[in-house]
Amino acid sequence: MLVVNTPSIPGSEIAQTMGLVRGSTTRARFFGRDIIASFRMLVGGEIDEYTKLLAESREQALQRLMQDAEALGANAVINVRFTTSSIARNAAEILAYGTAVKLAQ
């Protein structure tokens, strides 16, 4: 499945718009990661533990978006965007959303 963050796909014709698709995941921070991250915050620099957690969350949300699009019969998703929101003190939701389309063959 082709997934892009642009409103069209150069060289492809959109035959049908299937509708909005989305995929999300909610993740909580892990206590062990928090301890390590706390030490990193003292000395500065990238907090690898959280970077990895967010990257995994984005991938899971994207996979769920593609499953949603496939269920509609789409073969591509355009205008893909990501957003995040705090759900609780130690948890956040990552949401991927876009427009499912069927490309002309």
PDB file of N, CA and C in Angstrom:
ATOM      1  N   MET A   1       0.848  -1.170   0.000  1.00  0.00           N
ATOM      2  CA  MET A   1       0.000   0.000   0.000  1.00  0.00           C
ATOM      3  C   MET A   1       0.896   1.236   0.000  1.00  0.00           C
ATOM      4  N   LEU A   2       0.552   2.169  -0.853  1.00  0.00           N
ATOM      5  CA  LEU A   2       1.286   3.424  -0.950  1.00  0.00           C
ATOM      6  C   LEU A   2       0.693   4.418   0.046  1.00  0.00           C
ATOM      7  N   VAL A   3       1.553   4.999   0.887  1.00  0.00           N
ATOM      8  CA  VAL A   3       1.124   5.959   1.905  1.00  0.00           C
ATOM      9  C   VAL A   3       1.995   7.195   1.757  1.00  0.00           C
ATOM     10  N   VAL A   4       1.355   8.346   1.498  1.00  0.00           N
ATOM     11  CA  VAL A   4       2.100   9.589   1.282  1.00  0.00           C
ATOM     12  C   VAL A   4       1.478  10.729   2.086  1.00  0.00           C
ATOM     13  N   ASN A   5       2.277  11.766   2.321  1.00  0.00           N
ATOM     14  CA  ASN A   5       1.757  12.918   3.046  1.00  0.00           C
ATOM     15  C   ASN A   5       1.410  14.072   2.110  1.00  0.00           C
ATOM     16  N   THR A   6       1.310  13.790   0.829  1.00  0.00           N
ATOM     17  CA  THR A   6       0.945  14.792  -0.175  1.00  0.00           C
ATOM     18  C   THR A   6      -0.513  14.590  -0.601  1.00  0.00           C
ATOM     19  N   PRO A   7      -1.144  15.626  -1.175  1.00  0.00           N
ATOM     20  CA  PRO A   7      -2.548  15.505  -1.570  1.00  0.00           C
ATOM     21  C   PRO A   7      -2.771  14.718  -2.864  1.00  0.00           C
ATOM     22  N   SER A   8      -1.696  14.382  -3.557  1.00  0.00           N
ATOM     23  CA  SER A   8      -1.805  13.582  -4.774  1.00  0.00           C
ATOM     24  C   SER A   8      -0.523  12.771  -4.926  1.00  0.00           C
ATOM     25  N   ILE A   9      -0.541  11.857  -5.879  1.00  0.00           N
ATOM     26  CA  ILE A   9       0.629  11.022  -6.151  1.00  0.00           C
ATOM     27  C   ILE A   9       1.030  11.268  -7.593  1.00  0.00           C
ATOM     28  N   PRO A  10       2.165  11.916  -7.809  1.00  0.00           N
ATOM     29  CA  PRO A  10       2.598  12.224  -9.178  1.00  0.00           C
ATOM     30  C   PRO A  10       2.620  10.958 -10.057  1.00  0.00           C
ATOM     31  N   GLY A  11       2.025  11.086 -11.228  1.00  0.00           N
ATOM     32  CA  GLY A  11       1.983   9.967 -12.161  1.00  0.00           C
ATOM     33  C   GLY A  11       0.854   8.981 -11.915  1.00  0.00           C
ATOM     34  N   SER A  12       0.061   9.221 -10.890  1.00  0.00           N
ATOM     35  CA  SER A  12      -1.066   8.334 -10.587  1.00  0.00           C
ATOM     36  C   SER A  12      -2.363   9.129 -10.603  1.00  0.00           C
ATOM     37  N   GLU A  13      -3.405   8.457 -11.028  1.00  0.00           N
ATOM     38  CA  GLU A  13      -4.731   9.070 -11.045  1.00  0.00           C
ATOM     39  C   GLU A  13      -5.572   8.456  -9.939  1.00  0.00           C
ATOM     40  N   ILE A  14      -6.220   9.317  -9.158  1.00  0.00           N
ATOM     41  CA  ILE A  14      -7.113   8.833  -8.109  1.00  0.00           C
ATOM     42  C   ILE A  14      -8.456   8.532  -8.749  1.00  0.00           C
ATOM     43  N   ALA A  15      -8.808   7.241  -8.757  1.00  0.00           N
ATOM     44  CA  ALA A  15     -10.057   6.813  -9.377  1.00  0.00           C
ATOM     45  C   ALA A  15     -11.240   6.984  -8.425  1.00  0.00           C
ATOM     46  N   GLN A  16     -10.978   6.828  -7.124  1.00  0.00           N
ATOM     47  CA  GLN A  16     -12.079   6.893  -6.158  1.00  0.00           C
ATOM     48  C   GLN A  16     -11.522   7.285  -4.787  1.00  0.00           C
ATOM     49  N   THR A  17     -12.243   8.157  -4.103  1.00  0.00           N
ATOM     50  CA  THR A  17     -11.905   8.503  -2.727  1.00  0.00           C
ATOM     51  C   THR A  17     -12.758   7.632  -1.819  1.00  0.00           C
ATOM     52  N   MET A  18     -12.094   6.909  -0.929  1.00  0.00           N
ATOM     53  CA  MET A  18     -12.797   5.958  -0.067  1.00  0.00           C
ATOM     54  C   MET A  18     -13.209   6.585   1.267  1.00  0.00           C
ATOM     55  N   GLY A  19     -12.475   7.598   1.719  1.00  0.00           N
ATOM     56  CA  GLY A  19     -12.834   8.272   2.957  1.00  0.00           C
ATOM     57  C   GLY A  19     -11.692   8.355   3.949  1.00  0.00           C
ATOM     58  N   LEU A  20     -11.994   8.919   5.093  1.00  0.00           N
ATOM     59  CA  LEU A  20     -11.028   9.113   6.160  1.00  0.00           C
ATOM     60  C   LEU A  20     -10.638   7.777   6.780  1.00  0.00           C
ATOM     61  N   VAL A  21      -9.345   7.595   6.988  1.00  0.00           N
ATOM     62  CA  VAL A  21      -8.860   6.415   7.700  1.00  0.00           C
ATOM     63  C   VAL A  21      -7.940   6.880   8.817  1.00  0.00           C
ATOM     64  N   ARG A  22      -7.858   6.061   9.836  1.00  0.00           N
ATOM     65  CA  ARG A  22      -7.020   6.429  10.971  1.00  0.00           C
ATOM     66  C   ARG A  22      -6.520   5.183  11.682  1.00  0.00           C
ATOM     67  N   GLY A  23      -5.460   5.396  12.405  1.00  0.00           N
ATOM     68  CA  GLY A  23      -4.901   4.349  13.248  1.00  0.00           C
ATOM     69  C   GLY A  23      -4.294   5.028  14.458  1.00  0.00           C
ATOM     70  N   SER A  24      -4.483   4.449  15.619  1.00  0.00           N
ATOM     71  CA  SER A  24      -3.939   5.082  16.807  1.00  0.00           C
ATOM     72  C   SER A  24      -3.418   4.044  17.778  1.00  0.00           C
ATOM     73  N   THR A  25      -2.600   4.497  18.669  1.00  0.00           N
ATOM     74  CA  THR A  25      -2.116   3.683  19.769  1.00  0.00           C
ATOM     75  C   THR A  25      -1.909   4.592  20.958  1.00  0.00           C
ATOM     76  N   THR A  26      -2.137   4.068  22.130  1.00  0.00           N
ATOM     77  CA  THR A  26      -1.887   4.808  23.355  1.00  0.00           C
ATOM     78  C   THR A  26      -0.826   4.057  24.135  1.00  0.00           C
ATOM     79  N   ARG A  27       0.222   4.752  24.473  1.00  0.00           N
ATOM     80  CA  ARG A  27       1.343   4.123  25.164  1.00  0.00           C
ATOM     81  C   ARG A  27       1.609   4.827  26.483  1.00  0.00           C
ATOM     82  N   ALA A  28       1.992   4.040  27.457  1.00  0.00           N
ATOM     83  CA  ALA A  28       2.404   4.580  28.752  1.00  0.00           C
ATOM     84  C   ALA A  28       3.913   4.441  28.880  1.00  0.00           C
ATOM     85  N   ARG A  29       4.500   5.379  29.587  1.00  0.00           N
ATOM     86  CA  ARG A  29       5.927   5.292  29.839  1.00  0.00           C
ATOM     87  C   ARG A  29       6.180   4.150  30.805  1.00  0.00           C
ATOM     88  N   PHE A  30       7.315   3.537  30.677  1.00  0.00           N
ATOM     89  CA  PHE A  30       7.714   2.409  31.513  1.00  0.00           C
ATOM     90  C   PHE A  30       8.632   2.931  32.607  1.00  0.00           C
ATOM     91  N   PHE A  31       8.384   2.507  33.821  1.00  0.00           N
ATOM     92  CA  PHE A  31       9.132   2.997  34.973  1.00  0.00           C
ATOM     93  C   PHE A  31      10.647   2.865  34.796  1.00  0.00           C
ATOM     94  N   GLY A  32      11.092   1.735  34.261  1.00  0.00           N
ATOM     95  CA  GLY A  32      12.525   1.536  34.028  1.00  0.00           C
ATOM     96  C   GLY A  32      13.098   2.567  33.064  1.00  0.00           C
ATOM     97  N   ARG A  33      12.359   2.861  32.017  1.00  0.00           N
ATOM     98  CA  ARG A  33      12.791   3.886  31.060  1.00  0.00           C
ATOM     99  C   ARG A  33      12.815   5.262  31.710  1.00  0.00           C
ATOM    100  N   ASP A  34      11.858   5.504  32.604  1.00  0.00           N
ATOM    101  CA  ASP A  34      11.804   6.804  33.273  1.00  0.00           C
ATOM    102  C   ASP A  34      13.042   7.061  34.121  1.00  0.00           C
ATOM    103  N   ILE A  35      13.528   6.034  34.779  1.00  0.00           N
ATOM    104  CA  ILE A  35      14.726   6.201  35.617  1.00  0.00           C
ATOM    105  C   ILE A  35      15.924   6.569  34.747  1.00  0.00           C
ATOM    106  N   ILE A  36      16.107   5.824  33.668  1.00  0.00           N
ATOM    107  CA  ILE A  36      17.226   6.103  32.759  1.00  0.00           C
ATOM    108  C   ILE A  36      17.064   7.490  32.140  1.00  0.00           C
ATOM    109  N   ALA A  37      15.851   7.815  31.716  1.00  0.00           N
ATOM    110  CA  ALA A  37      15.587   9.120  31.102  1.00  0.00           C
ATOM    111  C   ALA A  37      15.861  10.256  32.087  1.00  0.00           C
ATOM    112  N   SER A  38      15.544  10.050  33.351  1.00  0.00           N
ATOM    113  CA  SER A  38      15.799  11.073  34.362  1.00  0.00           C
ATOM    114  C   SER A  38      17.285  11.393  34.458  1.00  0.00           C
ATOM    115  N   PHE A  39      18.112  10.367  34.399  1.00  0.00           N
ATOM    116  CA  PHE A  39      19.559  10.597  34.419  1.00  0.00           C
ATOM    117  C   PHE A  39      20.007  11.363  33.185  1.00  0.00           C
ATOM    118  N   ARG A  40      19.434  11.012  32.022  1.00  0.00           N
ATOM    119  CA  ARG A  40      19.804  11.711  30.784  1.00  0.00           C
ATOM    120  C   ARG A  40      19.387  13.181  30.829  1.00  0.00           C
ATOM    121  N   MET A  41      18.264  13.470  31.469  1.00  0.00           N
ATOM    122  CA  MET A  41      17.811  14.851  31.559  1.00  0.00           C
ATOM    123  C   MET A  41      18.782  15.697  32.385  1.00  0.00           C
ATOM    124  N   LEU A  42      19.450  15.067  33.319  1.00  0.00           N
ATOM    125  CA  LEU A  42      20.419  15.799  34.148  1.00  0.00           C
ATOM    126  C   LEU A  42      21.641  16.232  33.349  1.00  0.00           C
ATOM    127  N   VAL A  43      22.065  15.388  32.414  1.00  0.00           N
ATOM    128  CA  VAL A  43      23.276  15.691  31.652  1.00  0.00           C
ATOM    129  C   VAL A  43      22.975  16.276  30.276  1.00  0.00           C
ATOM    130  N   GLY A  44      21.738  16.211  29.844  1.00  0.00           N
ATOM    131  CA  GLY A  44      21.348  16.766  28.547  1.00  0.00           C
ATOM    132  C   GLY A  44      21.496  15.752  27.426  1.00  0.00           C
ATOM    133  N   GLY A  45      20.992  16.115  26.267  1.00  0.00           N
ATOM    134  CA  GLY A  45      21.069  15.254  25.092  1.00  0.00           C
ATOM    135  C   GLY A  45      19.765  14.547  24.803  1.00  0.00           C
ATOM    136  N   GLU A  46      19.808  13.745  23.768  1.00  0.00           N
ATOM    137  CA  GLU A  46      18.615  13.003  23.341  1.00  0.00           C
ATOM    138  C   GLU A  46      18.268  11.918  24.352  1.00  0.00           C
ATOM    139  N   ILE A  47      16.981  11.765  24.597  1.00  0.00           N
ATOM    140  CA  ILE A  47      16.507  10.718  25.498  1.00  0.00           C
ATOM    141  C   ILE A  47      16.086   9.546  24.622  1.00  0.00           C
ATOM    142  N   ASP A  48      17.047   8.666  24.359  1.00  0.00           N
ATOM    143  CA  ASP A  48      16.851   7.553  23.426  1.00  0.00           C
ATOM    144  C   ASP A  48      15.665   6.668  23.783  1.00  0.00           C
ATOM    145  N   GLU A  49      15.424   6.478  25.077  1.00  0.00           N
ATOM    146  CA  GLU A  49      14.328   5.600  25.510  1.00  0.00           C
ATOM    147  C   GLU A  49      12.980   6.120  25.030  1.00  0.00           C
ATOM    148  N   TYR A  50      12.780   7.424  25.111  1.00  0.00           N
ATOM    149  CA  TYR A  50      11.516   8.001  24.666  1.00  0.00           C
ATOM    150  C   TYR A  50      11.460   8.113  23.142  1.00  0.00           C
ATOM    151  N   THR A  51      12.603   8.373  22.524  1.00  0.00           N
ATOM    152  CA  THR A  51      12.656   8.422  21.061  1.00  0.00           C
ATOM    153  C   THR A  51      12.219   7.084  20.482  1.00  0.00           C
ATOM    154  N   LYS A  52      12.740   5.993  21.050  1.00  0.00           N
ATOM    155  CA  LYS A  52      12.386   4.647  20.582  1.00  0.00           C
ATOM    156  C   LYS A  52      10.901   4.357  20.839  1.00  0.00           C
ATOM    157  N   LEU A  53      10.407   4.727  22.014  1.00  0.00           N
ATOM    158  CA  LEU A  53       9.000   4.501  22.353  1.00  0.00           C
ATOM    159  C   LEU A  53       8.080   5.217  21.362  1.00  0.00           C
ATOM    160  N   LEU A  54       8.389   6.471  21.047  1.00  0.00           N
ATOM    161  CA  LEU A  54       7.550   7.229  20.118  1.00  0.00           C
ATOM    162  C   LEU A  54       7.659   6.700  18.692  1.00  0.00           C
ATOM    163  N   ALA A  55       8.850   6.276  18.272  1.00  0.00           N
ATOM    164  CA  ALA A  55       9.017   5.715  16.926  1.00  0.00           C
ATOM    165  C   ALA A  55       8.199   4.430  16.779  1.00  0.00           C
ATOM    166  N   GLU A  56       8.237   3.576  17.789  1.00  0.00           N
ATOM    167  CA  GLU A  56       7.442   2.341  17.756  1.00  0.00           C
ATOM    168  C   GLU A  56       5.955   2.667  17.721  1.00  0.00           C
ATOM    169  N   SER A  57       5.548   3.678  18.463  1.00  0.00           N
ATOM    170  CA  SER A  57       4.142   4.072  18.503  1.00  0.00           C
ATOM    171  C   SER A  57       3.678   4.602  17.149  1.00  0.00           C
ATOM    172  N   ARG A  58       4.512   5.411  16.490  1.00  0.00           N
ATOM    173  CA  ARG A  58       4.156   5.932  15.160  1.00  0.00           C
ATOM    174  C   ARG A  58       4.003   4.784  14.164  1.00  0.00           C
ATOM    175  N   GLU A  59       4.910   3.818  14.212  1.00  0.00           N
ATOM    176  CA  GLU A  59       4.827   2.678  13.295  1.00  0.00           C
ATOM    177  C   GLU A  59       3.559   1.867  13.527  1.00  0.00           C
ATOM    178  N   GLN A  60       3.200   1.657  14.782  1.00  0.00           N
ATOM    179  CA  GLN A  60       1.981   0.900  15.084  1.00  0.00           C
ATOM    180  C   GLN A  60       0.749   1.666  14.603  1.00  0.00           C
ATOM    181  N   ALA A  61       0.710   2.972  14.824  1.00  0.00           N
ATOM    182  CA  ALA A  61      -0.424   3.778  14.361  1.00  0.00           C
ATOM    183  C   ALA A  61      -0.513   3.740  12.839  1.00  0.00           C
ATOM    184  N   LEU A  62       0.629   3.797  12.163  1.00  0.00           N
ATOM    185  CA  LEU A  62       0.644   3.752  10.698  1.00  0.00           C
ATOM    186  C   LEU A  62       0.151   2.400  10.183  1.00  0.00           C
ATOM    187  N   GLN A  63       0.566   1.312  10.828  1.00  0.00           N
ATOM    188  CA  GLN A  63       0.090  -0.016  10.434  1.00  0.00           C
ATOM    189  C   GLN A  63      -1.432  -0.123  10.587  1.00  0.00           C
ATOM    190  N   ARG A  64      -1.954   0.425  11.652  1.00  0.00           N
ATOM    191  CA  ARG A  64      -3.404   0.395  11.881  1.00  0.00           C
ATOM    192  C   ARG A  64      -4.139   1.259  10.863  1.00  0.00           C
ATOM    193  N   LEU A  65      -3.548   2.377  10.471  1.00  0.00           N
ATOM    194  CA  LEU A  65      -4.123   3.220   9.418  1.00  0.00           C
ATOM    195  C   LEU A  65      -4.220   2.420   8.116  1.00  0.00           C
ATOM    196  N   MET A  66      -3.153   1.708   7.762  1.00  0.00           N
ATOM    197  CA  MET A  66      -3.157   0.921   6.522  1.00  0.00           C
ATOM    198  C   MET A  66      -4.180  -0.212   6.581  1.00  0.00           C
ATOM    199  N   GLN A  67      -4.346  -0.830   7.737  1.00  0.00           N
ATOM    200  CA  GLN A  67      -5.371  -1.871   7.886  1.00  0.00           C
ATOM    201  C   GLN A  67      -6.762  -1.288   7.692  1.00  0.00           C
ATOM    202  N   ASP A  68      -6.983  -0.094   8.220  1.00  0.00           N
ATOM    203  CA  ASP A  68      -8.265   0.591   8.058  1.00  0.00           C
ATOM    204  C   ASP A  68      -8.529   0.877   6.577  1.00  0.00           C
ATOM    205  N   ALA A  69      -7.487   1.321   5.863  1.00  0.00           N
ATOM    206  CA  ALA A  69      -7.623   1.625   4.432  1.00  0.00           C
ATOM    207  C   ALA A  69      -7.893   0.356   3.626  1.00  0.00           C
ATOM    208  N   GLU A  70      -7.183  -0.713   3.938  1.00  0.00           N
ATOM    209  CA  GLU A  70      -7.397  -1.988   3.232  1.00  0.00           C
ATOM    210  C   GLU A  70      -8.816  -2.502   3.437  1.00  0.00           C
ATOM    211  N   ALA A  71      -9.362  -2.304   4.632  1.00  0.00           N
ATOM    212  CA  ALA A  71     -10.735  -2.746   4.918  1.00  0.00           C
ATOM    213  C   ALA A  71     -11.753  -2.004   4.047  1.00  0.00           C
ATOM    214  N   LEU A  72     -11.412  -0.790   3.617  1.00  0.00           N
ATOM    215  CA  LEU A  72     -12.287  -0.028   2.726  1.00  0.00           C
ATOM    216  C   LEU A  72     -12.065  -0.364   1.261  1.00  0.00           C
ATOM    217  N   GLY A  73     -11.033  -1.159   0.961  1.00  0.00           N
ATOM    218  CA  GLY A  73     -10.723  -1.503  -0.418  1.00  0.00           C
ATOM    219  C   GLY A  73      -9.767  -0.525  -1.090  1.00  0.00           C
ATOM    220  N   ALA A  74      -9.121   0.317  -0.323  1.00  0.00           N
ATOM    221  CA  ALA A  74      -8.190   1.300  -0.878  1.00  0.00           C
ATOM    222  C   ALA A  74      -6.845   0.649  -1.196  1.00  0.00           C
ATOM    223  N   ASN A  75      -6.108   1.258  -2.113  1.00  0.00           N
ATOM    224  CA  ASN A  75      -4.756   0.788  -2.394  1.00  0.00           C
ATOM    225  C   ASN A  75      -3.704   1.871  -2.145  1.00  0.00           C
ATOM    226  N   ALA A  76      -4.152   3.010  -1.588  1.00  0.00           N
ATOM    227  CA  ALA A  76      -3.231   4.083  -1.222  1.00  0.00           C
ATOM    228  C   ALA A  76      -3.904   4.992  -0.197  1.00  0.00           C
ATOM    229  N   VAL A  77      -3.067   5.733   0.530  1.00  0.00           N
ATOM    230  CA  VAL A  77      -3.568   6.730   1.478  1.00  0.00           C
ATOM    231  C   VAL A  77      -2.786   8.014   1.222  1.00  0.00           C
ATOM    232  N   ILE A  78      -3.520   9.097   1.034  1.00  0.00           N
ATOM    233  CA  ILE A  78      -2.888  10.396   0.784  1.00  0.00           C
ATOM    234  C   ILE A  78      -3.127  11.324   1.980  1.00  0.00           C
ATOM    235  N   ASN A  79      -2.382  12.426   2.001  1.00  0.00           N
ATOM    236  CA  ASN A  79      -2.523  13.439   3.062  1.00  0.00           C
ATOM    237  C   ASN A  79      -2.355  12.866   4.468  1.00  0.00           C
ATOM    238  N   VAL A  80      -1.424  11.950   4.643  1.00  0.00           N
ATOM    239  CA  VAL A  80      -1.218  11.329   5.951  1.00  0.00           C
ATOM    240  C   VAL A  80      -0.579  12.327   6.910  1.00  0.00           C
ATOM    241  N   ARG A  81      -1.115  12.375   8.104  1.00  0.00           N
ATOM    242  CA  ARG A  81      -0.619  13.250   9.154  1.00  0.00           C
ATOM    243  C   ARG A  81      -0.541  12.466  10.460  1.00  0.00           C
ATOM    244  N   PHE A  82       0.294  12.949  11.359  1.00  0.00           N
ATOM    245  CA  PHE A  82       0.404  12.384  12.706  1.00  0.00           C
ATOM    246  C   PHE A  82       0.092  13.475  13.716  1.00  0.00           C
ATOM    247  N   THR A  83      -0.509  13.074  14.804  1.00  0.00           N
ATOM    248  CA  THR A  83      -0.734  13.988  15.911  1.00  0.00           C
ATOM    249  C   THR A  83      -0.594  13.201  17.210  1.00  0.00           C
ATOM    250  N   THR A  84      -0.317  13.890  18.251  1.00  0.00           N
ATOM    251  CA  THR A  84      -0.193  13.251  19.557  1.00  0.00           C
ATOM    252  C   THR A  84      -0.940  14.062  20.592  1.00  0.00           C
ATOM    253  N   SER A  85      -1.419  13.372  21.615  1.00  0.00           N
ATOM    254  CA  SER A  85      -2.089  14.067  22.708  1.00  0.00           C
ATOM    255  C   SER A  85      -1.840  13.315  23.999  1.00  0.00           C
ATOM    256  N   SER A  86      -1.831  14.054  25.065  1.00  0.00           N
ATOM    257  CA  SER A  86      -1.627  13.468  26.386  1.00  0.00           C
ATOM    258  C   SER A  86      -2.966  12.915  26.875  1.00  0.00           C
ATOM    259  N   ILE A  87      -2.961  11.662  27.270  1.00  0.00           N
ATOM    260  CA  ILE A  87      -4.189  11.019  27.753  1.00  0.00           C
ATOM    261  C   ILE A  87      -4.238  11.066  29.288  1.00  0.00           C
ATOM    262  N   ALA A  88      -3.110  10.794  29.877  1.00  0.00           N
ATOM    263  CA  ALA A  88      -2.972  10.815  31.331  1.00  0.00           C
ATOM    264  C   ALA A  88      -1.556  11.295  31.632  1.00  0.00           C
ATOM    265  N   ARG A  89      -1.228  11.380  32.887  1.00  0.00           N
ATOM    266  CA  ARG A  89       0.083  11.918  33.257  1.00  0.00           C
ATOM    267  C   ARG A  89       1.236  11.195  32.574  1.00  0.00           C
ATOM    268  N   ASN A  90       1.163   9.896  32.470  1.00  0.00           N
ATOM    269  CA  ASN A  90       2.261   9.112  31.899  1.00  0.00           C
ATOM    270  C   ASN A  90       1.877   8.362  30.631  1.00  0.00           C
ATOM    271  N   ALA A  91       0.841   8.818  29.940  1.00  0.00           N
ATOM    272  CA  ALA A  91       0.401   8.124  28.730  1.00  0.00           C
ATOM    273  C   ALA A  91       0.075   9.136  27.637  1.00  0.00           C
ATOM    274  N   ALA A  92       0.338   8.719  26.398  1.00  0.00           N
ATOM    275  CA  ALA A  92       0.052   9.581  25.253  1.00  0.00           C
ATOM    276  C   ALA A  92      -0.522   8.751  24.117  1.00  0.00           C
ATOM    277  N   GLU A  93      -1.357   9.394  23.314  1.00  0.00           N
ATOM    278  CA  GLU A  93      -1.911   8.759  22.121  1.00  0.00           C
ATOM    279  C   GLU A  93      -1.185   9.316  20.901  1.00  0.00           C
ATOM    280  N   ILE A  94      -0.832   8.422  19.995  1.00  0.00           N
ATOM    281  CA  ILE A  94      -0.308   8.808  18.690  1.00  0.00           C
ATOM    282  C   ILE A  94      -1.400   8.444  17.692  1.00  0.00           C
ATOM    283  N   LEU A  95      -1.806   9.402  16.876  1.00  0.00           N
ATOM    284  CA  LEU A  95      -2.855   9.187  15.881  1.00  0.00           C
ATOM    285  C   LEU A  95      -2.296   9.474  14.496  1.00  0.00           C
ATOM    286  N   ALA A  96      -2.489   8.533  13.591  1.00  0.00           N
ATOM    287  CA  ALA A  96      -2.162   8.732  12.179  1.00  0.00           C
ATOM    288  C   ALA A  96      -3.485   8.788  11.433  1.00  0.00           C
ATOM    289  N   TYR A  97      -3.638   9.760  10.526  1.00  0.00           N
ATOM    290  CA  TYR A  97      -4.881   9.857   9.771  1.00  0.00           C
ATOM    291  C   TYR A  97      -4.596  10.352   8.365  1.00  0.00           C
ATOM    292  N   GLY A  98      -5.499  10.014   7.449  1.00  0.00           N
ATOM    293  CA  GLY A  98      -5.349  10.422   6.068  1.00  0.00           C
ATOM    294  C   GLY A  98      -6.597  10.059   5.280  1.00  0.00           C
ATOM    295  N   THR A  99      -6.482  10.190   3.962  1.00  0.00           N
ATOM    296  CA  THR A  99      -7.595   9.892   3.067  1.00  0.00           C
ATOM    297  C   THR A  99      -7.286   8.645   2.255  1.00  0.00           C
ATOM    298  N   ALA A 100      -8.115   7.639   2.397  1.00  0.00           N
ATOM    299  CA  ALA A 100      -7.955   6.408   1.641  1.00  0.00           C
ATOM    300  C   ALA A 100      -8.473   6.626   0.223  1.00  0.00           C
ATOM    301  N   VAL A 101      -7.708   6.161  -0.759  1.00  0.00           N
ATOM    302  CA  VAL A 101      -8.088   6.305  -2.162  1.00  0.00           C
ATOM    303  C   VAL A 101      -7.824   5.006  -2.911  1.00  0.00           C
ATOM    304  N   LYS A 102      -8.494   4.899  -4.034  1.00  0.00           N
ATOM    305  CA  LYS A 102      -8.200   3.802  -4.968  1.00  0.00           C
ATOM    306  C   LYS A 102      -7.579   4.443  -6.178  1.00  0.00           C
ATOM    307  N   LEU A 103      -6.356   4.009  -6.489  1.00  0.00           N
ATOM    308  CA  LEU A 103      -5.652   4.538  -7.666  1.00  0.00           C
ATOM    309  C   LEU A 103      -6.086   3.780  -8.910  1.00  0.00           C
ATOM    310  N   ALA A 104      -6.175   4.488 -10.019  1.00  0.00           N
ATOM    311  CA  ALA A 104      -6.493   3.858 -11.307  1.00  0.00           C
ATOM    312  C   ALA A 104      -5.338   2.928 -11.684  1.00  0.00           C
ATOM    313  N   GLN A 105      -5.662   1.798 -12.221  1.00  0.00           N
ATOM    314  CA  GLN A 105      -4.611   0.815 -12.592  1.00  0.00           C
ATOM    315  C   GLN A 105      -4.006   1.106 -13.912  1.00  0.00           C
TER     316      GLN A 105
END
